[in-house]
Amino acid sequence: MRVAPAGGTAVQDHVALAEIELCGELIIAASAAEDRLSMESIDQVLRVAEERAEPPAA
């Protein structure tokens, strides 16, 4: 069995961490809502409009 070495040498996947954060925000929004989240509400939580407004990276 292999065990990760002690000392904080873990590699961070920034994309995966961002996705986990967004999932957490969705869970919080869904638990606070009285009913199912609308597509517009989901887009707002995921900041879809902000992503569309930003110019594409070169």
PDB file of N, CA and C in Angstrom:
ATOM      1  N   MET A   1       0.842  -1.174   0.000  1.00  0.00           N
ATOM      2  CA  MET A   1       0.000   0.000   0.000  1.00  0.00           C
ATOM      3  C   MET A   1       0.888   1.237   0.000  1.00  0.00           C
ATOM      4  N   ARG A   2       0.536   2.210  -0.856  1.00  0.00           N
ATOM      5  CA  ARG A   2       1.271   3.469  -0.902  1.00  0.00           C
ATOM      6  C   ARG A   2       0.546   4.509  -0.070  1.00  0.00           C
ATOM      7  N   VAL A   3       1.289   5.280   0.661  1.00  0.00           N
ATOM      8  CA  VAL A   3       0.743   6.343   1.496  1.00  0.00           C
ATOM      9  C   VAL A   3       1.395   7.643   1.072  1.00  0.00           C
ATOM     10  N   ALA A   4       0.591   8.689   0.977  1.00  0.00           N
ATOM     11  CA  ALA A   4       1.133  10.004   0.602  1.00  0.00           C
ATOM     12  C   ALA A   4       2.129  10.459   1.658  1.00  0.00           C
ATOM     13  N   PRO A   5       3.245  11.006   1.226  1.00  0.00           N
ATOM     14  CA  PRO A   5       4.245  11.455   2.195  1.00  0.00           C
ATOM     15  C   PRO A   5       3.740  12.625   3.021  1.00  0.00           C
ATOM     16  N   ALA A   6       4.162  12.671   4.264  1.00  0.00           N
ATOM     17  CA  ALA A   6       3.794  13.782   5.141  1.00  0.00           C
ATOM     18  C   ALA A   6       4.587  15.012   4.727  1.00  0.00           C
ATOM     19  N   GLY A   7       4.060  16.163   5.001  1.00  0.00           N
ATOM     20  CA  GLY A   7       4.808  17.373   4.703  1.00  0.00           C
ATOM     21  C   GLY A   7       4.123  18.275   3.701  1.00  0.00           C
ATOM     22  N   GLY A   8       2.869  18.001   3.335  1.00  0.00           N
ATOM     23  CA  GLY A   8       2.118  18.901   2.468  1.00  0.00           C
ATOM     24  C   GLY A   8       2.580  18.927   1.027  1.00  0.00           C
ATOM     25  N   THR A   9       2.894  17.801   0.452  1.00  0.00           N
ATOM     26  CA  THR A   9       3.329  17.768  -0.943  1.00  0.00           C
ATOM     27  C   THR A   9       2.181  17.470  -1.895  1.00  0.00           C
ATOM     28  N   ALA A  10       0.944  17.607  -1.444  1.00  0.00           N
ATOM     29  CA  ALA A  10      -0.218  17.314  -2.280  1.00  0.00           C
ATOM     30  C   ALA A  10      -0.309  18.312  -3.433  1.00  0.00           C
ATOM     31  N   VAL A  11      -0.698  17.827  -4.579  1.00  0.00           N
ATOM     32  CA  VAL A  11      -0.891  18.668  -5.751  1.00  0.00           C
ATOM     33  C   VAL A  11      -2.329  19.167  -5.739  1.00  0.00           C
ATOM     34  N   GLN A  12      -2.523  20.439  -6.002  1.00  0.00           N
ATOM     35  CA  GLN A  12      -3.868  21.006  -6.019  1.00  0.00           C
ATOM     36  C   GLN A  12      -4.343  21.156  -7.451  1.00  0.00           C
ATOM     37  N   ASP A  13      -5.541  20.701  -7.704  1.00  0.00           N
ATOM     38  CA  ASP A  13      -6.180  20.867  -8.999  1.00  0.00           C
ATOM     39  C   ASP A  13      -7.136  22.050  -8.857  1.00  0.00           C
ATOM     40  N   HIS A  14      -6.729  23.206  -9.369  1.00  0.00           N
ATOM     41  CA  HIS A  14      -7.509  24.427  -9.168  1.00  0.00           C
ATOM     42  C   HIS A  14      -8.879  24.366  -9.830  1.00  0.00           C
ATOM     43  N   VAL A  15      -8.990  23.682 -10.953  1.00  0.00           N
ATOM     44  CA  VAL A  15     -10.283  23.538 -11.617  1.00  0.00           C
ATOM     45  C   VAL A  15     -11.221  22.708 -10.748  1.00  0.00           C
ATOM     46  N   ALA A  16     -10.712  21.600 -10.222  1.00  0.00           N
ATOM     47  CA  ALA A  16     -11.534  20.748  -9.366  1.00  0.00           C
ATOM     48  C   ALA A  16     -11.952  21.504  -8.109  1.00  0.00           C
ATOM     49  N   LEU A  17     -11.052  22.271  -7.521  1.00  0.00           N
ATOM     50  CA  LEU A  17     -11.401  23.042  -6.330  1.00  0.00           C
ATOM     51  C   LEU A  17     -12.481  24.081  -6.637  1.00  0.00           C
ATOM     52  N   ALA A  18     -12.402  24.721  -7.789  1.00  0.00           N
ATOM     53  CA  ALA A  18     -13.422  25.700  -8.182  1.00  0.00           C
ATOM     54  C   ALA A  18     -14.770  25.018  -8.384  1.00  0.00           C
ATOM     55  N   GLU A  19     -14.770  23.823  -8.990  1.00  0.00           N
ATOM     56  CA  GLU A  19     -16.020  23.084  -9.195  1.00  0.00           C
ATOM     57  C   GLU A  19     -16.628  22.673  -7.864  1.00  0.00           C
ATOM     58  N   ILE A  20     -15.800  22.257  -6.927  1.00  0.00           N
ATOM     59  CA  ILE A  20     -16.297  21.878  -5.600  1.00  0.00           C
ATOM     60  C   ILE A  20     -16.911  23.085  -4.911  1.00  0.00           C
ATOM     61  N   GLU A  21     -16.279  24.237  -5.031  1.00  0.00           N
ATOM     62  CA  GLU A  21     -16.814  25.460  -4.428  1.00  0.00           C
ATOM     63  C   GLU A  21     -18.177  25.814  -5.029  1.00  0.00           C
ATOM     64  N   LEU A  22     -18.304  25.712  -6.355  1.00  0.00           N
ATOM     65  CA  LEU A  22     -19.585  26.011  -7.005  1.00  0.00           C
ATOM     66  C   LEU A  22     -20.669  25.021  -6.583  1.00  0.00           C
ATOM     67  N   CYS A  23     -20.303  23.759  -6.462  1.00  0.00           N
ATOM     68  CA  CYS A  23     -21.277  22.750  -5.997  1.00  0.00           C
ATOM     69  C   CYS A  23     -21.751  23.090  -4.591  1.00  0.00           C
ATOM     70  N   GLY A  24     -20.834  23.507  -3.750  1.00  0.00           N
ATOM     71  CA  GLY A  24     -21.199  23.909  -2.397  1.00  0.00           C
ATOM     72  C   GLY A  24     -22.151  25.088  -2.395  1.00  0.00           C
ATOM     73  N   GLU A  25     -21.891  26.062  -3.261  1.00  0.00           N
ATOM     74  CA  GLU A  25     -22.776  27.220  -3.351  1.00  0.00           C
ATOM     75  C   GLU A  25     -24.168  26.818  -3.836  1.00  0.00           C
ATOM     76  N   LEU A  26     -24.225  25.863  -4.774  1.00  0.00           N
ATOM     77  CA  LEU A  26     -25.524  25.365  -5.230  1.00  0.00           C
ATOM     78  C   LEU A  26     -26.277  24.659  -4.116  1.00  0.00           C
ATOM     79  N   ILE A  27     -25.571  23.869  -3.338  1.00  0.00           N
ATOM     80  CA  ILE A  27     -26.201  23.151  -2.223  1.00  0.00           C
ATOM     81  C   ILE A  27     -26.758  24.140  -1.204  1.00  0.00           C
ATOM     82  N   ILE A  28     -25.993  25.182  -0.898  1.00  0.00           N
ATOM     83  CA  ILE A  28     -26.460  26.199   0.044  1.00  0.00           C
ATOM     84  C   ILE A  28     -27.700  26.906  -0.496  1.00  0.00           C
ATOM     85  N   ALA A  29     -27.668  27.293  -1.773  1.00  0.00           N
ATOM     86  CA  ALA A  29     -28.817  27.977  -2.382  1.00  0.00           C
ATOM     87  C   ALA A  29     -30.044  27.073  -2.397  1.00  0.00           C
ATOM     88  N   ALA A  30     -29.852  25.803  -2.726  1.00  0.00           N
ATOM     89  CA  ALA A  30     -30.983  24.866  -2.785  1.00  0.00           C
ATOM     90  C   ALA A  30     -31.568  24.635  -1.399  1.00  0.00           C
ATOM     91  N   SER A  31     -30.722  24.556  -0.389  1.00  0.00           N
ATOM     92  CA  SER A  31     -31.239  24.315   0.958  1.00  0.00           C
ATOM     93  C   SER A  31     -31.960  25.537   1.516  1.00  0.00           C
ATOM     94  N   ALA A  32     -31.599  26.726   1.049  1.00  0.00           N
ATOM     95  CA  ALA A  32     -32.245  27.949   1.517  1.00  0.00           C
ATOM     96  C   ALA A  32     -33.540  28.256   0.754  1.00  0.00           C
ATOM     97  N   ALA A  33     -33.719  27.639  -0.407  1.00  0.00           N
ATOM     98  CA  ALA A  33     -34.895  27.915  -1.244  1.00  0.00           C
ATOM     99  C   ALA A  33     -36.117  27.186  -0.706  1.00  0.00           C
ATOM    100  N   GLU A  34     -37.278  27.801  -0.900  1.00  0.00           N
ATOM    101  CA  GLU A  34     -38.524  27.170  -0.484  1.00  0.00           C
ATOM    102  C   GLU A  34     -38.966  26.107  -1.477  1.00  0.00           C
ATOM    103  N   ASP A  35     -38.574  26.264  -2.738  1.00  0.00           N
ATOM    104  CA  ASP A  35     -38.963  25.341  -3.800  1.00  0.00           C
ATOM    105  C   ASP A  35     -37.720  25.025  -4.623  1.00  0.00           C
ATOM    106  N   ARG A  36     -37.906  24.282  -5.692  1.00  0.00           N
ATOM    107  CA  ARG A  36     -36.775  23.961  -6.567  1.00  0.00           C
ATOM    108  C   ARG A  36     -36.196  25.236  -7.160  1.00  0.00           C
ATOM    109  N   LEU A  37     -34.888  25.231  -7.388  1.00  0.00           N
ATOM    110  CA  LEU A  37     -34.247  26.387  -8.010  1.00  0.00           C
ATOM    111  C   LEU A  37     -34.593  26.436  -9.490  1.00  0.00           C
ATOM    112  N   SER A  38     -34.897  27.622  -9.971  1.00  0.00           N
ATOM    113  CA  SER A  38     -35.137  27.803 -11.396  1.00  0.00           C
ATOM    114  C   SER A  38     -33.805  27.800 -12.124  1.00  0.00           C
ATOM    115  N   MET A  39     -33.852  27.637 -13.429  1.00  0.00           N
ATOM    116  CA  MET A  39     -32.629  27.679 -14.225  1.00  0.00           C
ATOM    117  C   MET A  39     -31.945  29.034 -14.075  1.00  0.00           C
ATOM    118  N   GLU A  40     -32.730  30.091 -13.988  1.00  0.00           N
ATOM    119  CA  GLU A  40     -32.169  31.428 -13.812  1.00  0.00           C
ATOM    120  C   GLU A  40     -31.458  31.547 -12.471  1.00  0.00           C
ATOM    121  N   SER A  41     -32.042  30.960 -11.422  1.00  0.00           N
ATOM    122  CA  SER A  41     -31.417  30.988 -10.102  1.00  0.00           C
ATOM    123  C   SER A  41     -30.111  30.210 -10.105  1.00  0.00           C
ATOM    124  N   ILE A  42     -30.112  29.072 -10.764  1.00  0.00           N
ATOM    125  CA  ILE A  42     -28.897  28.254 -10.862  1.00  0.00           C
ATOM    126  C   ILE A  42     -27.816  29.022 -11.612  1.00  0.00           C
ATOM    127  N   ASP A  43     -28.195  29.663 -12.721  1.00  0.00           N
ATOM    128  CA  ASP A  43     -27.239  30.461 -13.488  1.00  0.00           C
ATOM    129  C   ASP A  43     -26.663  31.589 -12.634  1.00  0.00           C
ATOM    130  N   GLN A  44     -27.513  32.194 -11.802  1.00  0.00           N
ATOM    131  CA  GLN A  44     -27.059  33.286 -10.945  1.00  0.00           C
ATOM    132  C   GLN A  44     -26.062  32.764  -9.907  1.00  0.00           C
ATOM    133  N   VAL A  45     -26.354  31.629  -9.291  1.00  0.00           N
ATOM    134  CA  VAL A  45     -25.446  31.049  -8.299  1.00  0.00           C
ATOM    135  C   VAL A  45     -24.112  30.685  -8.946  1.00  0.00           C
ATOM    136  N   LEU A  46     -24.174  30.133 -10.162  1.00  0.00           N
ATOM    137  CA  LEU A  46     -22.963  29.708 -10.860  1.00  0.00           C
ATOM    138  C   LEU A  46     -22.263  30.855 -11.587  1.00  0.00           C
ATOM    139  N   ARG A  47     -22.848  32.056 -11.510  1.00  0.00           N
ATOM    140  CA  ARG A  47     -22.290  33.252 -12.147  1.00  0.00           C
ATOM    141  C   ARG A  47     -22.088  33.056 -13.647  1.00  0.00           C
ATOM    142  N   VAL A  48     -23.096  32.453 -14.294  1.00  0.00           N
ATOM    143  CA  VAL A  48     -23.013  32.182 -15.726  1.00  0.00           C
ATOM    144  C   VAL A  48     -22.972  33.479 -16.519  1.00  0.00           C
ATOM    145  N   ALA A  49     -23.775  34.454 -16.148  1.00  0.00           N
ATOM    146  CA  ALA A  49     -23.816  35.725 -16.873  1.00  0.00           C
ATOM    147  C   ALA A  49     -22.467  36.428 -16.803  1.00  0.00           C
ATOM    148  N   GLU A  50     -21.778  36.337 -15.653  1.00  0.00           N
ATOM    149  CA  GLU A  50     -20.458  36.964 -15.512  1.00  0.00           C
ATOM    150  C   GLU A  50     -19.462  36.306 -16.461  1.00  0.00           C
ATOM    151  N   GLU A  51     -19.529  34.992 -16.582  1.00  0.00           N
ATOM    152  CA  GLU A  51     -18.614  34.273 -17.474  1.00  0.00           C
ATOM    153  C   GLU A  51     -18.851  34.658 -18.928  1.00  0.00           C
ATOM    154  N   ARG A  52     -20.111  34.839 -19.314  1.00  0.00           N
ATOM    155  CA  ARG A  52     -20.432  35.214 -20.692  1.00  0.00           C
ATOM    156  C   ARG A  52     -20.021  36.637 -20.997  1.00  0.00           C
ATOM    157  N   ALA A  53     -20.014  37.512 -19.974  1.00  0.00           N
ATOM    158  CA  ALA A  53     -19.683  38.903 -20.183  1.00  0.00           C
ATOM    159  C   ALA A  53     -18.188  39.139 -20.326  1.00  0.00           C
ATOM    160  N   GLU A  54     -17.385  38.231 -19.779  1.00  0.00           N
ATOM    161  CA  GLU A  54     -15.928  38.391 -19.863  1.00  0.00           C
ATOM    162  C   GLU A  54     -15.439  38.056 -21.267  1.00  0.00           C
ATOM    163  N   PRO A  55     -14.492  38.845 -21.780  1.00  0.00           N
ATOM    164  CA  PRO A  55     -13.940  38.536 -23.105  1.00  0.00           C
ATOM    165  C   PRO A  55     -13.133  37.251 -23.046  1.00  0.00           C
ATOM    166  N   PRO A  56     -13.122  36.478 -24.135  1.00  0.00           N
ATOM    167  CA  PRO A  56     -12.363  35.222 -24.134  1.00  0.00           C
ATOM    168  C   PRO A  56     -10.868  35.477 -23.962  1.00  0.00           C
ATOM    169  N   ALA A  57     -10.225  34.570 -23.238  1.00  0.00           N
ATOM    170  CA  ALA A  57      -8.780  34.695 -23.017  1.00  0.00           C
ATOM    171  C   ALA A  57      -8.039  34.388 -24.312  1.00  0.00           C
ATOM    172  N   ALA A  58      -7.014  35.142 -24.559  1.00  0.00           N
ATOM    173  CA  ALA A  58      -6.256  34.965 -25.809  1.00  0.00           C
ATOM    174  C   ALA A  58      -5.229  33.870 -25.698  1.00  0.00           C
TER     175      ALA A  58
END
